[in-house]
């Protein structure tokens, strides 16, 4: 096999795979399978997976937990050099947190047609009326992210 024939994952794919691994942890815990990582200069500085049931905390979404860990680790509530990778499009709460933290970039896998705060229902993260706009890339490993969600909700219906 020649080098040209090999598929070399991009850093977006690599970090999204890490987020997918965290989403699997949420799945195993009976939580909606969403995972997120915060990356600064190619280093993961925050990790999170959905955990509102286990923590009895409605704000314990994967993105919020990853942002909290990153901010604590870096000693700053502003994360201007950060990219957040999430397996599912962030909700309005999480999109607002991205803006407040001044996250530079968001990469997400699958759209959330029910609660999406970035593209599907609202466009909060890059709204022209806010003081900060997050750069958005969507669809990275989207089919894998969507398949995990489908498996989770199908199992709950059985």
Protein backbone atom coordinates (compact mmCIF):
# COMPACT_ATOMS: atom_id res chain seq x y z
CA UNK A 1 0.00 0.00 0.00
CA UNK A 2 1.43 3.36 -0.96
CA UNK A 3 1.33 6.43 1.26
CA UNK A 4 -1.22 7.98 -1.12
CA UNK A 5 -3.57 5.03 -0.52
CA UNK A 6 -3.59 5.42 3.27
CA UNK A 7 -6.23 7.43 4.98
CA UNK A 8 -4.56 9.73 7.47
CA UNK A 9 -7.07 11.18 9.92
CA UNK A 10 -7.13 14.92 10.30
CA UNK A 11 -6.73 16.40 13.76
CA UNK A 12 -10.47 17.16 13.65
CA UNK A 13 -11.20 13.47 13.11
CA UNK A 14 -8.71 12.43 15.80
CA UNK A 15 -10.24 14.71 18.44
CA UNK A 16 -13.78 13.82 17.38
CA UNK A 17 -12.89 10.15 17.91
CA UNK A 18 -11.88 11.04 21.44
CA UNK A 19 -15.23 12.79 21.93
CA UNK A 20 -16.97 9.68 20.56
CA UNK A 21 -15.18 7.57 23.16
CA UNK A 22 -16.55 9.85 25.86
CA UNK A 23 -20.02 9.60 24.33
CA UNK A 24 -19.70 5.81 24.68
CA UNK A 25 -19.06 6.33 28.41
CA UNK A 26 -22.29 8.32 28.65
CA UNK A 27 -24.11 5.53 26.77
CA UNK A 28 -22.76 2.92 29.23
CA UNK A 29 -23.97 5.07 32.14
CA UNK A 30 -27.48 5.33 30.69
CA UNK A 31 -27.04 8.98 29.71
CA UNK A 32 -27.69 10.40 26.24
CA UNK A 33 -24.45 9.57 24.40
CA UNK A 34 -22.80 12.92 23.83
CA UNK A 35 -19.11 13.55 24.36
CA UNK A 36 -16.95 16.66 24.13
CA UNK A 37 -13.30 17.63 24.33
CA UNK A 38 -11.66 21.04 24.51
CA UNK A 39 -8.37 21.35 22.66
CA UNK A 40 -5.74 24.09 22.89
CA UNK A 41 -2.62 23.88 20.72
CA UNK A 42 -3.31 20.24 19.81
CA UNK A 43 -3.63 19.21 23.48
CA UNK A 44 -6.84 18.06 25.15
CA UNK A 45 -7.38 20.31 28.18
CA UNK A 46 -10.99 19.41 28.97
CA UNK A 47 -13.21 16.35 28.64
CA UNK A 48 -16.88 15.75 29.28
CA UNK A 49 -19.77 13.44 28.57
CA UNK A 50 -23.43 13.90 29.28
CA UNK A 51 -24.07 13.30 32.95
CA UNK A 52 -27.20 15.23 34.06
CA UNK A 53 -28.96 12.13 35.43
CA UNK A 54 -26.01 10.80 37.41
CA UNK A 55 -25.08 14.21 38.79
CA UNK A 56 -28.69 15.39 39.28
CA UNK A 57 -27.62 18.51 37.40
CA UNK A 58 -29.56 19.76 34.37
CA UNK A 59 -26.49 21.72 33.23
CA UNK A 60 -24.17 18.67 33.20
CA UNK A 61 -24.01 18.47 29.43
CA UNK A 62 -20.82 17.15 27.82
CA UNK A 63 -19.83 20.60 26.53
CA UNK A 64 -20.34 22.33 29.88
CA UNK A 65 -18.32 19.71 31.75
CA UNK A 66 -15.50 19.91 29.18
CA UNK A 67 -15.48 23.72 29.35
CA UNK A 68 -15.39 23.64 33.17
CA UNK A 69 -12.44 21.26 33.20
CA UNK A 70 -10.55 23.29 30.57
CA UNK A 71 -11.14 26.59 32.38
CA UNK A 72 -10.02 25.10 35.71
CA UNK A 73 -6.94 23.54 34.16
CA UNK A 74 -5.94 26.74 32.36
CA UNK A 75 -6.93 29.02 35.25
CA UNK A 76 -9.10 31.23 33.08
CA UNK A 77 -12.79 31.35 32.26
CA UNK A 78 -11.93 32.70 28.82
CA UNK A 79 -10.76 30.12 26.28
CA UNK A 80 -9.89 32.19 23.18
CA UNK A 81 -7.44 29.66 21.74
CA UNK A 82 -9.72 26.67 22.26
CA UNK A 83 -11.58 24.37 19.90
CA UNK A 84 -14.46 22.39 21.35
CA UNK A 85 -15.29 19.07 19.69
CA UNK A 86 -18.78 17.71 20.38
CA UNK A 87 -20.45 14.65 18.94
CA UNK A 88 -23.81 16.43 18.80
CA UNK A 89 -24.70 20.01 17.92
CA UNK A 90 -24.74 22.00 21.17
CA UNK A 91 -28.04 23.15 22.65
CA UNK A 92 -28.81 26.82 23.31
CA UNK A 93 -27.31 26.65 26.83
CA UNK A 94 -24.06 25.14 25.59
CA UNK A 95 -23.87 27.47 22.58
CA UNK A 96 -24.22 30.41 24.97
CA UNK A 97 -21.42 29.01 27.12
CA UNK A 98 -19.17 28.81 24.06
CA UNK A 99 -19.78 32.49 23.36
CA UNK A 100 -19.25 33.50 27.00
CA UNK A 101 -15.98 31.54 27.14
CA UNK A 102 -14.86 33.12 23.84
CA UNK A 103 -14.12 29.70 22.37
CA UNK A 104 -12.49 30.22 18.98
CA UNK A 105 -13.88 27.21 17.17
CA UNK A 106 -16.60 24.55 17.48
CA UNK A 107 -16.48 21.24 15.63
CA UNK A 108 -19.52 18.99 15.92
CA UNK A 109 -20.56 15.70 14.40
CA UNK A 110 -24.33 15.46 14.04
CA UNK A 111 -27.06 18.07 14.01
CA UNK A 112 -29.68 18.07 16.77
CA UNK A 113 -32.95 18.74 15.00
CA UNK A 114 -34.87 19.05 18.29
CA UNK A 115 -32.64 21.28 20.42
CA UNK A 116 -29.73 22.44 18.25
CA UNK A 117 -28.55 25.90 19.29
CA UNK A 118 -25.92 26.35 16.60
CA UNK A 119 -27.56 25.45 13.28
CA UNK A 120 -30.77 23.43 13.56
CA UNK A 121 -33.05 25.58 15.74
CA UNK A 122 -30.98 28.65 16.59
CA UNK A 123 -27.74 30.22 15.40
CA UNK A 124 -26.39 31.45 18.70
CA UNK A 125 -22.69 30.65 18.47
CA UNK A 126 -21.99 32.86 15.46
CA UNK A 127 -24.84 35.35 15.71
CA UNK A 128 -24.05 38.77 14.30
CA UNK A 129 -25.80 40.45 17.24
CA UNK A 130 -23.45 39.00 19.86
CA UNK A 131 -20.02 40.31 20.81
CA UNK A 132 -18.21 37.07 19.95
CA UNK A 133 -18.64 34.68 17.04
CA UNK A 134 -17.47 31.08 17.18
CA UNK A 135 -16.07 29.57 13.98
CA UNK A 136 -18.13 26.44 13.22
CA UNK A 137 -17.30 23.22 11.41
CA UNK A 138 -19.97 20.54 11.26
CA UNK A 139 -20.29 16.97 10.08
CA UNK A 140 -16.93 15.58 11.24
CA UNK A 141 -17.61 11.85 11.78
CA UNK A 142 -21.29 12.75 11.58
CA UNK A 143 -22.51 9.27 10.57
CA UNK A 144 -20.71 7.63 13.51
CA UNK A 145 -22.04 10.24 15.95
CA UNK A 146 -25.58 9.81 14.65
CA UNK A 147 -25.37 6.01 14.72
CA UNK A 148 -24.41 6.03 18.41
CA UNK A 149 -27.42 8.22 19.22
CA UNK A 150 -29.73 5.98 17.18
CA UNK A 151 -28.48 2.86 18.98
CA UNK A 152 -29.02 4.49 22.35
CA UNK A 153 -32.57 5.63 21.71
CA UNK A 154 -33.52 2.40 19.95
CA UNK A 155 -32.34 0.40 22.98
CA UNK A 156 -34.41 2.62 25.27
CA UNK A 157 -37.56 1.92 23.20
CA UNK A 158 -37.09 -1.86 23.38
